[in-house]
C-alpha cells in the first residue's frame, strides 16, 4: 500500500512538471511556528549539546577534587585556631601602614566568590588612608587593577598550578611580609558547605604591634608560660609563623570554596543547557513538520488545479 501511494505521488509530480499549470502561491504556516533554517537549528543543537557535555565533565572533576580539598582545609583550621586564641584577631587597631591581601582564584566559572572578595577588599581598603594591596589570584587582579592600580604593590598568580602545601603558603607569606606593613588584612571565602561560603577578613600584625598589644593587655600572650628567647624575639618568630599559618588556611579555604562553587555553577549550567536543548529540539520538530505540511499542501493544490483544468 505504501509503495502504491508513493508511485501515485511520483506520477502526480511528473504530471505537474510536464503541464503548464500554475497555482496560487501557498503561504500556510502553522500557528506558533517561526520560519527558521533547519540547518541553523541543527548547528545550535550540536553546540548546546557539546556545552552540556563540557559543563557536566567540569562538575564531575570539581566534585572529585572537593573531598580532598575539604580534608586539607579542616586540618589547617587546627593550626590557625590556637594562634587566634593566643594572639587574637583585632582588626580595630590603627597602624601607620596597612596591607590588604585579597585571595581569589586563577580560573573562572566558579560563581560569584571572586566578585565577593573584590567587593570586601575595596571596603576594607577604604577604612584607613595609608593602605596598599598585594593581590593573590588572577581574577582579583583583573578587577582590582582597573581602579586601584595606585594601591597595588604586587600580584601573586598561578598558585593553582602547584600543590598547596605549607611551604608554598610560607613563600607567599614571606613575599607579603617583605613589604614591611604593620597590619595585614587577608580577605578570603571561608568554606561552610557546598552551597555556602562566608567572606572573611583575617588580621595579622607585625611583631612590634603584637608586643604593644601584649603590653596593653589586648592579647593573652603573657598568660602563657614560654621558655626560650626574650619576648621580642619570640614574638618576631611567632608573628612570621602566624602569617604563614593564616595564609595557608586562607588559601585552602578559598580553594575549597572555589571547587564547591564551581560544582554548583556547572550543575546549574548543565540543567540550563538541557532545557535549551529541549526547546531547540521542539523548534526543530515544529519547523520540519511545517515544511512537510507546506509541501503536502502545494501537492494537493497542484492536483486540484490540474483536475480543474481537465
C-alpha atoms as a PDB file:
ATOM      1  CA  UNK A   1       0.000   0.000   0.000  1.00  0.00           C
ATOM      2  CA  UNK A   2       2.771   2.397   0.893  1.00  0.00           C
ATOM      3  CA  UNK A   3       4.620   1.700  -2.360  1.00  0.00           C
ATOM      4  CA  UNK A   4       1.446   2.246  -4.386  1.00  0.00           C
ATOM      5  CA  UNK A   5       0.861   5.596  -2.649  1.00  0.00           C
ATOM      6  CA  UNK A   6       4.431   6.641  -3.341  1.00  0.00           C
ATOM      7  CA  UNK A   7       4.097   5.704  -7.002  1.00  0.00           C
ATOM      8  CA  UNK A   8       0.878   7.722  -7.347  1.00  0.00           C
ATOM      9  CA  UNK A   9       2.516  10.774  -5.710  1.00  0.00           C
ATOM     10  CA  UNK A  10       5.532  10.486  -8.021  1.00  0.00           C
ATOM     11  CA  UNK A  11       3.289  10.207 -11.077  1.00  0.00           C
ATOM     12  CA  UNK A  12       1.321  13.276  -9.944  1.00  0.00           C
ATOM     13  CA  UNK A  13       4.523  15.299  -9.523  1.00  0.00           C
ATOM     14  CA  UNK A  14       5.713  14.296 -13.037  1.00  0.00           C
ATOM     15  CA  UNK A  15       2.362  15.327 -14.466  1.00  0.00           C
ATOM     16  CA  UNK A  16       2.559  18.713 -12.732  1.00  0.00           C
ATOM     17  CA  UNK A  17       6.058  19.324 -14.067  1.00  0.00           C
ATOM     18  CA  UNK A  18       5.079  18.445 -17.629  1.00  0.00           C
ATOM     19  CA  UNK A  19       1.923  20.592 -17.556  1.00  0.00           C
ATOM     20  CA  UNK A  20       1.754  24.371 -17.776  1.00  0.00           C
ATOM     21  CA  UNK A  21      -0.475  24.549 -14.736  1.00  0.00           C
ATOM     22  CA  UNK A  22       0.172  27.330 -12.286  1.00  0.00           C
ATOM     23  CA  UNK A  23      -1.459  27.668  -8.913  1.00  0.00           C
ATOM     24  CA  UNK A  24      -1.661  30.490  -6.481  1.00  0.00           C
ATOM     25  CA  UNK A  25       1.293  30.539  -4.063  1.00  0.00           C
ATOM     26  CA  UNK A  26       0.515  28.949  -0.723  1.00  0.00           C
ATOM     27  CA  UNK A  27       1.765  30.745   2.373  1.00  0.00           C
ATOM     28  CA  UNK A  28       0.334  28.481   5.015  1.00  0.00           C
ATOM     29  CA  UNK A  29       2.247  28.461   8.319  1.00  0.00           C
ATOM     30  CA  UNK A  30       1.056  26.595  11.398  1.00  0.00           C
ATOM     31  CA  UNK A  31       0.290  28.739  14.426  1.00  0.00           C
ATOM     32  CA  UNK A  32       3.274  29.350  16.735  1.00  0.00           C
ATOM     33  CA  UNK A  33       5.870  28.269  14.154  1.00  0.00           C
ATOM     34  CA  UNK A  34       8.672  30.605  13.148  1.00  0.00           C
ATOM     35  CA  UNK A  35      10.351  30.418   9.778  1.00  0.00           C
ATOM     36  CA  UNK A  36      13.895  29.315  10.609  1.00  0.00           C
ATOM     37  CA  UNK A  37      16.522  27.290   8.817  1.00  0.00           C
ATOM     38  CA  UNK A  38      16.693  23.646   9.864  1.00  0.00           C
ATOM     39  CA  UNK A  39      20.433  23.651   9.326  1.00  0.00           C
ATOM     40  CA  UNK A  40      20.940  26.586  11.711  1.00  0.00           C
ATOM     41  CA  UNK A  41      18.811  24.900  14.374  1.00  0.00           C
ATOM     42  CA  UNK A  42      20.786  21.673  13.969  1.00  0.00           C
ATOM     43  CA  UNK A  43      24.084  23.518  14.383  1.00  0.00           C
ATOM     44  CA  UNK A  44      22.845  25.244  17.506  1.00  0.00           C
ATOM     45  CA  UNK A  45      21.559  21.965  18.935  1.00  0.00           C
ATOM     46  CA  UNK A  46      25.003  20.467  18.385  1.00  0.00           C
ATOM     47  CA  UNK A  47      26.718  23.427  20.093  1.00  0.00           C
ATOM     48  CA  UNK A  48      24.408  23.312  23.112  1.00  0.00           C
ATOM     49  CA  UNK A  49      24.907  19.544  23.370  1.00  0.00           C
ATOM     50  CA  UNK A  50      28.692  19.982  23.419  1.00  0.00           C
ATOM     51  CA  UNK A  51      28.400  22.684  26.091  1.00  0.00           C
ATOM     52  CA  UNK A  52      26.247  20.349  28.184  1.00  0.00           C
ATOM     53  CA  UNK A  53      28.903  17.628  27.995  1.00  0.00           C
ATOM     54  CA  UNK A  54      31.680  20.068  28.979  1.00  0.00           C
ATOM     55  CA  UNK A  55      29.803  21.504  31.977  1.00  0.00           C
ATOM     56  CA  UNK A  56      28.857  18.008  33.172  1.00  0.00           C
ATOM     57  CA  UNK A  57      32.515  16.932  32.963  1.00  0.00           C
ATOM     58  CA  UNK A  58      33.678  20.062  34.846  1.00  0.00           C
ATOM     59  CA  UNK A  59      31.137  19.348  37.576  1.00  0.00           C
ATOM     60  CA  UNK A  60      32.435  15.789  37.978  1.00  0.00           C
ATOM     61  CA  UNK A  61      36.054  16.986  38.146  1.00  0.00           C
ATOM     62  CA  UNK A  62      35.221  19.603  40.800  1.00  0.00           C
ATOM     63  CA  UNK A  63      33.241  17.057  42.824  1.00  0.00           C
ATOM     64  CA  UNK A  64      36.107  14.549  42.736  1.00  0.00           C
ATOM     65  CA  UNK A  65      38.603  17.173  43.986  1.00  0.00           C
ATOM     66  CA  UNK A  66      36.321  18.673  46.621  1.00  0.00           C
ATOM     67  CA  UNK A  67      36.630  15.913  49.228  1.00  0.00           C
ATOM     68  CA  UNK A  68      40.423  16.015  49.363  1.00  0.00           C
ATOM     69  CA  UNK A  69      40.489  19.816  49.461  1.00  0.00           C
ATOM     70  CA  UNK A  70      37.920  19.850  52.266  1.00  0.00           C
ATOM     71  CA  UNK A  71      40.007  17.413  54.327  1.00  0.00           C
ATOM     72  CA  UNK A  72      43.162  19.550  53.992  1.00  0.00           C
ATOM     73  CA  UNK A  73      41.178  22.687  54.784  1.00  0.00           C
ATOM     74  CA  UNK A  74      39.745  21.211  58.008  1.00  0.00           C
ATOM     75  CA  UNK A  75      43.238  20.172  59.135  1.00  0.00           C
ATOM     76  CA  UNK A  76      44.546  23.702  58.527  1.00  0.00           C
ATOM     77  CA  UNK A  77      41.910  25.071  60.899  1.00  0.00           C
ATOM     78  CA  UNK A  78      43.605  23.103  63.658  1.00  0.00           C
ATOM     79  CA  UNK A  79      46.717  25.234  63.124  1.00  0.00           C
ATOM     80  CA  UNK A  80      45.098  28.653  62.980  1.00  0.00           C
ATOM     81  CA  UNK A  81      42.634  28.368  65.905  1.00  0.00           C
ATOM     82  CA  UNK A  82      45.283  28.094  68.715  1.00  0.00           C
ATOM     83  CA  UNK A  83      47.165  31.093  67.312  1.00  0.00           C
ATOM     84  CA  UNK A  84      43.978  33.148  67.249  1.00  0.00           C
ATOM     85  CA  UNK A  85      43.451  32.290  70.917  1.00  0.00           C
ATOM     86  CA  UNK A  86      46.962  33.422  71.780  1.00  0.00           C
ATOM     87  CA  UNK A  87      47.432  36.463  69.533  1.00  0.00           C
ATOM     88  CA  UNK A  88      43.791  37.339  68.916  1.00  0.00           C
ATOM     89  CA  UNK A  89      42.212  38.779  65.787  1.00  0.00           C
ATOM     90  CA  UNK A  90      41.858  42.516  66.393  1.00  0.00           C
ATOM     91  CA  UNK A  91      41.022  44.390  63.191  1.00  0.00           C
ATOM     92  CA  UNK A  92      40.300  47.649  65.025  1.00  0.00           C
ATOM     93  CA  UNK A  93      43.884  48.514  65.957  1.00  0.00           C
ATOM     94  CA  UNK A  94      45.032  51.533  63.950  1.00  0.00           C
ATOM     95  CA  UNK A  95      48.546  51.376  62.470  1.00  0.00           C
ATOM     96  CA  UNK A  96      50.631  53.584  60.219  1.00  0.00           C
ATOM     97  CA  UNK A  97      50.649  51.168  57.264  1.00  0.00           C
ATOM     98  CA  UNK A  98      48.052  48.578  56.326  1.00  0.00           C
ATOM     99  CA  UNK A  99      48.144  45.973  53.574  1.00  0.00           C
ATOM    100  CA  UNK A 100      45.013  44.274  52.218  1.00  0.00           C
ATOM    101  CA  UNK A 101      45.545  40.806  50.704  1.00  0.00           C
ATOM    102  CA  UNK A 102      42.593  39.663  48.545  1.00  0.00           C
ATOM    103  CA  UNK A 103      42.707  35.893  47.932  1.00  0.00           C
ATOM    104  CA  UNK A 104      40.953  34.846  44.708  1.00  0.00           C
ATOM    105  CA  UNK A 105      41.164  32.060  42.136  1.00  0.00           C
ATOM    106  CA  UNK A 106      43.176  31.899  38.925  1.00  0.00           C
ATOM    107  CA  UNK A 107      40.296  30.369  36.946  1.00  0.00           C
ATOM    108  CA  UNK A 108      36.720  31.455  36.398  1.00  0.00           C
ATOM    109  CA  UNK A 109      33.417  29.574  36.040  1.00  0.00           C
ATOM    110  CA  UNK A 110      33.036  29.382  39.817  1.00  0.00           C
ATOM    111  CA  UNK A 111      30.126  31.659  40.616  1.00  0.00           C
ATOM    112  CA  UNK A 112      30.498  34.968  42.421  1.00  0.00           C
ATOM    113  CA  UNK A 113      33.161  34.144  45.022  1.00  0.00           C
ATOM    114  CA  UNK A 114      35.815  36.294  43.332  1.00  0.00           C
ATOM    115  CA  UNK A 115      33.445  39.238  42.984  1.00  0.00           C
ATOM    116  CA  UNK A 116      32.628  38.985  46.692  1.00  0.00           C
ATOM    117  CA  UNK A 117      36.322  39.079  47.640  1.00  0.00           C
ATOM    118  CA  UNK A 118      36.862  42.132  45.436  1.00  0.00           C
ATOM    119  CA  UNK A 119      33.917  43.997  46.979  1.00  0.00           C
ATOM    120  CA  UNK A 120      35.053  43.308  50.554  1.00  0.00           C
ATOM    121  CA  UNK A 121      38.640  44.239  49.692  1.00  0.00           C
ATOM    122  CA  UNK A 122      37.558  47.621  48.370  1.00  0.00           C
ATOM    123  CA  UNK A 123      35.579  48.292  51.560  1.00  0.00           C
ATOM    124  CA  UNK A 124      38.453  47.227  53.838  1.00  0.00           C
ATOM    125  CA  UNK A 125      40.981  49.261  51.833  1.00  0.00           C
ATOM    126  CA  UNK A 126      38.838  52.370  52.211  1.00  0.00           C
ATOM    127  CA  UNK A 127      38.747  52.216  56.017  1.00  0.00           C
ATOM    128  CA  UNK A 128      42.298  53.538  56.509  1.00  0.00           C
ATOM    129  CA  UNK A 129      44.161  56.183  54.479  1.00  0.00           C
ATOM    130  CA  UNK A 130      47.561  54.519  54.025  1.00  0.00           C
ATOM    131  CA  UNK A 131      46.522  51.199  52.541  1.00  0.00           C
ATOM    132  CA  UNK A 132      48.276  49.084  49.924  1.00  0.00           C
ATOM    133  CA  UNK A 133      47.348  45.770  48.284  1.00  0.00           C
ATOM    134  CA  UNK A 134      49.089  42.545  47.377  1.00  0.00           C
ATOM    135  CA  UNK A 135      46.681  40.515  45.255  1.00  0.00           C
ATOM    136  CA  UNK A 136      46.626  36.713  45.230  1.00  0.00           C
ATOM    137  CA  UNK A 137      44.913  35.232  42.172  1.00  0.00           C
ATOM    138  CA  UNK A 138      44.344  36.266  38.564  1.00  0.00           C
ATOM    139  CA  UNK A 139      40.640  37.083  38.880  1.00  0.00           C
ATOM    140  CA  UNK A 140      41.067  39.672  41.646  1.00  0.00           C
ATOM    141  CA  UNK A 141      43.918  41.302  39.729  1.00  0.00           C
ATOM    142  CA  UNK A 142      41.700  41.730  36.672  1.00  0.00           C
ATOM    143  CA  UNK A 143      39.062  43.559  38.734  1.00  0.00           C
ATOM    144  CA  UNK A 144      41.122  45.480  41.288  1.00  0.00           C
ATOM    145  CA  UNK A 145      43.823  46.519  38.837  1.00  0.00           C
ATOM    146  CA  UNK A 146      41.471  48.856  36.957  1.00  0.00           C
ATOM    147  CA  UNK A 147      40.504  51.430  39.581  1.00  0.00           C
ATOM    148  CA  UNK A 148      43.066  50.762  42.323  1.00  0.00           C
ATOM    149  CA  UNK A 149      46.316  50.474  40.401  1.00  0.00           C
ATOM    150  CA  UNK A 150      47.985  53.079  42.628  1.00  0.00           C
ATOM    151  CA  UNK A 151      47.444  50.904  45.708  1.00  0.00           C
ATOM    152  CA  UNK A 152      48.547  47.572  44.221  1.00  0.00           C
ATOM    153  CA  UNK A 153      52.126  46.686  45.191  1.00  0.00           C
ATOM    154  CA  UNK A 154      52.261  43.273  43.554  1.00  0.00           C
ATOM    155  CA  UNK A 155      50.340  40.225  42.382  1.00  0.00           C
ATOM    156  CA  UNK A 156      50.850  36.530  43.071  1.00  0.00           C
ATOM    157  CA  UNK A 157      49.263  34.200  40.484  1.00  0.00           C
ATOM    158  CA  UNK A 158      49.345  30.581  39.265  1.00  0.00           C
ATOM    159  CA  UNK A 159      49.262  29.062  42.751  1.00  0.00           C
ATOM    160  CA  UNK A 160      46.694  26.550  41.479  1.00  0.00           C
ATOM    161  CA  UNK A 161      49.342  25.013  39.206  1.00  0.00           C
ATOM    162  CA  UNK A 162      51.442  23.746  42.133  1.00  0.00           C
ATOM    163  CA  UNK A 163      50.449  21.604  45.142  1.00  0.00           C
ATOM    164  CA  UNK A 164      49.180  23.740  48.006  1.00  0.00           C
ATOM    165  CA  UNK A 165      51.469  22.943  50.942  1.00  0.00           C
ATOM    166  CA  UNK A 166      52.574  24.899  53.994  1.00  0.00           C
ATOM    167  CA  UNK A 167      55.896  25.612  52.258  1.00  0.00           C
ATOM    168  CA  UNK A 168      54.048  27.239  49.351  1.00  0.00           C
ATOM    169  CA  UNK A 169      51.954  29.333  51.729  1.00  0.00           C
ATOM    170  CA  UNK A 170      55.114  30.324  53.626  1.00  0.00           C
ATOM    171  CA  UNK A 171      56.718  31.645  50.438  1.00  0.00           C
ATOM    172  CA  UNK A 172      53.599  33.716  49.772  1.00  0.00           C
ATOM    173  CA  UNK A 173      53.689  34.984  53.371  1.00  0.00           C
ATOM    174  CA  UNK A 174      57.388  35.927  53.061  1.00  0.00           C
ATOM    175  CA  UNK A 175      56.623  37.902  49.887  1.00  0.00           C
ATOM    176  CA  UNK A 176      53.874  39.802  51.705  1.00  0.00           C
ATOM    177  CA  UNK A 177      55.932  40.410  54.857  1.00  0.00           C
ATOM    178  CA  UNK A 178      58.804  41.782  52.766  1.00  0.00           C
ATOM    179  CA  UNK A 179      56.657  44.857  52.054  1.00  0.00           C
ATOM    180  CA  UNK A 180      57.084  45.869  55.714  1.00  0.00           C
ATOM    181  CA  UNK A 181      53.453  46.692  56.549  1.00  0.00           C
ATOM    182  CA  UNK A 182      52.480  46.740  60.218  1.00  0.00           C
ATOM    183  CA  UNK A 183      48.980  45.354  59.640  1.00  0.00           C
ATOM    184  CA  UNK A 184      47.820  42.738  57.146  1.00  0.00           C
ATOM    185  CA  UNK A 185      44.161  42.046  56.413  1.00  0.00           C
ATOM    186  CA  UNK A 186      43.603  38.882  54.387  1.00  0.00           C
ATOM    187  CA  UNK A 187      40.248  38.700  52.601  1.00  0.00           C
ATOM    188  CA  UNK A 188      39.048  35.240  51.527  1.00  0.00           C
ATOM    189  CA  UNK A 189      35.988  32.969  51.326  1.00  0.00           C
ATOM    190  CA  UNK A 190      35.552  30.663  54.306  1.00  0.00           C
ATOM    191  CA  UNK A 191      34.055  27.331  53.363  1.00  0.00           C
ATOM    192  CA  UNK A 192      30.862  26.328  55.192  1.00  0.00           C
ATOM    193  CA  UNK A 193      29.140  23.929  52.790  1.00  0.00           C
ATOM    194  CA  UNK A 194      28.968  23.166  49.086  1.00  0.00           C
ATOM    195  CA  UNK A 195      26.450  25.972  48.594  1.00  0.00           C
ATOM    196  CA  UNK A 196      27.525  28.352  51.372  1.00  0.00           C
ATOM    197  CA  UNK A 197      30.703  30.457  51.650  1.00  0.00           C
ATOM    198  CA  UNK A 198      31.297  33.279  54.107  1.00  0.00           C
ATOM    199  CA  UNK A 199      33.521  36.261  53.218  1.00  0.00           C
ATOM    200  CA  UNK A 200      36.125  36.555  55.991  1.00  0.00           C
ATOM    201  CA  UNK A 201      38.785  39.097  56.926  1.00  0.00           C
ATOM    202  CA  UNK A 202      41.732  37.739  58.969  1.00  0.00           C
ATOM    203  CA  UNK A 203      44.030  40.315  60.591  1.00  0.00           C
ATOM    204  CA  UNK A 204      47.742  39.675  61.190  1.00  0.00           C
ATOM    205  CA  UNK A 205      50.115  42.251  62.746  1.00  0.00           C
ATOM    206  CA  UNK A 206      53.858  42.691  62.807  1.00  0.00           C
ATOM    207  CA  UNK A 207      55.894  41.656  65.844  1.00  0.00           C
ATOM    208  CA  UNK A 208      56.127  45.263  67.082  1.00  0.00           C
ATOM    209  CA  UNK A 209      52.360  45.662  67.051  1.00  0.00           C
ATOM    210  CA  UNK A 210      51.912  42.350  68.869  1.00  0.00           C
ATOM    211  CA  UNK A 211      54.366  43.489  71.548  1.00  0.00           C
ATOM    212  CA  UNK A 212      52.427  46.745  72.013  1.00  0.00           C
ATOM    213  CA  UNK A 213      49.182  44.793  72.246  1.00  0.00           C
ATOM    214  CA  UNK A 214      50.703  42.427  74.825  1.00  0.00           C
ATOM    215  CA  UNK A 215      51.873  45.350  76.966  1.00  0.00           C
ATOM    216  CA  UNK A 216      48.419  46.917  76.742  1.00  0.00           C
ATOM    217  CA  UNK A 217      46.742  43.635  77.695  1.00  0.00           C
ATOM    218  CA  UNK A 218      44.837  43.367  74.397  1.00  0.00           C
ATOM    219  CA  UNK A 219      46.106  39.826  73.708  1.00  0.00           C
ATOM    220  CA  UNK A 220      46.636  36.875  76.045  1.00  0.00           C
ATOM    221  CA  UNK A 221      50.257  36.254  75.133  1.00  0.00           C
ATOM    222  CA  UNK A 222      51.614  36.897  78.662  1.00  0.00           C
ATOM    223  CA  UNK A 223      49.172  34.391  80.157  1.00  0.00           C
ATOM    224  CA  UNK A 224      51.178  31.549  78.594  1.00  0.00           C
ATOM    225  CA  UNK A 225      54.445  30.255  80.074  1.00  0.00           C
ATOM    226  CA  UNK A 226      57.193  30.450  77.491  1.00  0.00           C
ATOM    227  CA  UNK A 227      60.708  29.018  77.521  1.00  0.00           C
ATOM    228  CA  UNK A 228      63.324  30.286  75.146  1.00  0.00           C
ATOM    229  CA  UNK A 229      64.396  33.717  73.889  1.00  0.00           C
ATOM    230  CA  UNK A 230      63.104  37.074  75.034  1.00  0.00           C
ATOM    231  CA  UNK A 231      59.575  38.169  74.320  1.00  0.00           C
ATOM    232  CA  UNK A 232      60.509  40.492  71.439  1.00  0.00           C
ATOM    233  CA  UNK A 233      62.493  37.795  69.637  1.00  0.00           C
ATOM    234  CA  UNK A 234      59.858  35.176  70.360  1.00  0.00           C
ATOM    235  CA  UNK A 235      57.108  37.444  69.043  1.00  0.00           C
ATOM    236  CA  UNK A 236      59.108  38.064  65.870  1.00  0.00           C
ATOM    237  CA  UNK A 237      59.235  34.352  65.095  1.00  0.00           C
ATOM    238  CA  UNK A 238      55.634  33.864  66.194  1.00  0.00           C
ATOM    239  CA  UNK A 239      54.358  36.717  64.004  1.00  0.00           C
ATOM    240  CA  UNK A 240      56.050  35.244  60.928  1.00  0.00           C
ATOM    241  CA  UNK A 241      54.705  31.775  61.725  1.00  0.00           C
ATOM    242  CA  UNK A 242      51.249  33.218  62.331  1.00  0.00           C
ATOM    243  CA  UNK A 243      51.307  34.898  58.933  1.00  0.00           C
ATOM    244  CA  UNK A 244      52.244  31.624  57.246  1.00  0.00           C
ATOM    245  CA  UNK A 245      49.519  29.680  59.066  1.00  0.00           C
ATOM    246  CA  UNK A 246      46.798  32.241  58.348  1.00  0.00           C
ATOM    247  CA  UNK A 247      47.795  32.423  54.678  1.00  0.00           C
ATOM    248  CA  UNK A 248      47.873  28.615  54.432  1.00  0.00           C
ATOM    249  CA  UNK A 249      44.364  28.398  55.891  1.00  0.00           C
ATOM    250  CA  UNK A 250      43.074  31.241  53.711  1.00  0.00           C
ATOM    251  CA  UNK A 251      44.389  29.634  50.513  1.00  0.00           C
ATOM    252  CA  UNK A 252      42.859  26.255  51.385  1.00  0.00           C
ATOM    253  CA  UNK A 253      39.550  27.785  52.474  1.00  0.00           C
ATOM    254  CA  UNK A 254      39.289  29.780  49.262  1.00  0.00           C
ATOM    255  CA  UNK A 255      40.334  26.816  47.103  1.00  0.00           C
ATOM    256  CA  UNK A 256      37.674  24.592  48.700  1.00  0.00           C
ATOM    257  CA  UNK A 257      35.063  27.322  48.254  1.00  0.00           C
ATOM    258  CA  UNK A 258      36.101  27.643  44.603  1.00  0.00           C
ATOM    259  CA  UNK A 259      35.575  23.924  43.965  1.00  0.00           C
ATOM    260  CA  UNK A 260      32.206  23.903  45.716  1.00  0.00           C
ATOM    261  CA  UNK A 261      31.033  26.985  43.850  1.00  0.00           C
ATOM    262  CA  UNK A 262      32.267  25.612  40.517  1.00  0.00           C
ATOM    263  CA  UNK A 263      30.450  22.329  41.106  1.00  0.00           C
ATOM    264  CA  UNK A 264      27.211  24.202  41.836  1.00  0.00           C
ATOM    265  CA  UNK A 265      27.647  26.555  38.872  1.00  0.00           C
ATOM    266  CA  UNK A 266      28.367  23.724  36.442  1.00  0.00           C
ATOM    267  CA  UNK A 267      25.338  21.810  37.690  1.00  0.00           C
ATOM    268  CA  UNK A 268      23.132  24.839  37.001  1.00  0.00           C
ATOM    269  CA  UNK A 269      24.756  25.313  33.596  1.00  0.00           C
ATOM    270  CA  UNK A 270      24.153  21.672  32.707  1.00  0.00           C
ATOM    271  CA  UNK A 271      20.483  21.989  33.638  1.00  0.00           C
ATOM    272  CA  UNK A 272      20.137  25.184  31.596  1.00  0.00           C
ATOM    273  CA  UNK A 273      21.796  23.538  28.595  1.00  0.00           C
ATOM    274  CA  UNK A 274      19.439  20.579  28.911  1.00  0.00           C
ATOM    275  CA  UNK A 275      16.411  22.884  28.972  1.00  0.00           C
ATOM    276  CA  UNK A 276      17.696  24.863  25.987  1.00  0.00           C
ATOM    277  CA  UNK A 277      18.366  21.652  24.063  1.00  0.00           C
ATOM    278  CA  UNK A 278      14.777  20.536  24.694  1.00  0.00           C
ATOM    279  CA  UNK A 279      13.423  23.852  23.398  1.00  0.00           C
ATOM    280  CA  UNK A 280      15.635  23.686  20.301  1.00  0.00           C
ATOM    281  CA  UNK A 281      14.525  20.113  19.626  1.00  0.00           C
ATOM    282  CA  UNK A 282      10.909  21.211  19.836  1.00  0.00           C
ATOM    283  CA  UNK A 283      11.597  24.137  17.482  1.00  0.00           C
ATOM    284  CA  UNK A 284      13.377  21.815  15.045  1.00  0.00           C
ATOM    285  CA  UNK A 285      10.487  19.344  15.016  1.00  0.00           C
ATOM    286  CA  UNK A 286       7.919  22.122  14.548  1.00  0.00           C
ATOM    287  CA  UNK A 287       9.899  23.680  11.717  1.00  0.00           C
ATOM    288  CA  UNK A 288      10.376  20.330   9.995  1.00  0.00           C
ATOM    289  CA  UNK A 289       6.689  19.498  10.373  1.00  0.00           C
ATOM    290  CA  UNK A 290       5.733  22.910   8.961  1.00  0.00           C
ATOM    291  CA  UNK A 291       7.969  22.311   5.940  1.00  0.00           C
ATOM    292  CA  UNK A 292       6.422  18.895   5.299  1.00  0.00           C
ATOM    293  CA  UNK A 293       2.905  20.308   5.709  1.00  0.00           C
ATOM    294  CA  UNK A 294       3.662  23.104   3.249  1.00  0.00           C
ATOM    295  CA  UNK A 295       4.948  20.643   0.638  1.00  0.00           C
ATOM    296  CA  UNK A 296       1.856  18.463   1.037  1.00  0.00           C
ATOM    297  CA  UNK A 297      -0.434  21.492   0.633  1.00  0.00           C
ATOM    298  CA  UNK A 298       1.415  22.502  -2.525  1.00  0.00           C
ATOM    299  CA  UNK A 299       0.978  18.997  -3.980  1.00  0.00           C
ATOM    300  CA  UNK A 300      -2.704  18.963  -3.139  1.00  0.00           C
ATOM    301  CA  UNK A 301      -3.190  22.480  -4.552  1.00  0.00           C
ATOM    302  CA  UNK A 302      -1.438  21.492  -7.778  1.00  0.00           C
ATOM    303  CA  UNK A 303      -3.563  18.358  -8.093  1.00  0.00           C
ATOM    304  CA  UNK A 304      -6.705  20.408  -7.564  1.00  0.00           C
ATOM    305  CA  UNK A 305      -5.647  22.903 -10.212  1.00  0.00           C
ATOM    306  CA  UNK A 306      -4.893  20.052 -12.620  1.00  0.00           C
ATOM    307  CA  UNK A 307      -8.296  18.496 -12.016  1.00  0.00           C
ATOM    308  CA  UNK A 308      -9.984  21.888 -12.574  1.00  0.00           C
ATOM    309  CA  UNK A 309      -8.178  22.326 -15.922  1.00  0.00           C
ATOM    310  CA  UNK A 310      -9.367  18.955 -17.131  1.00  0.00           C
END
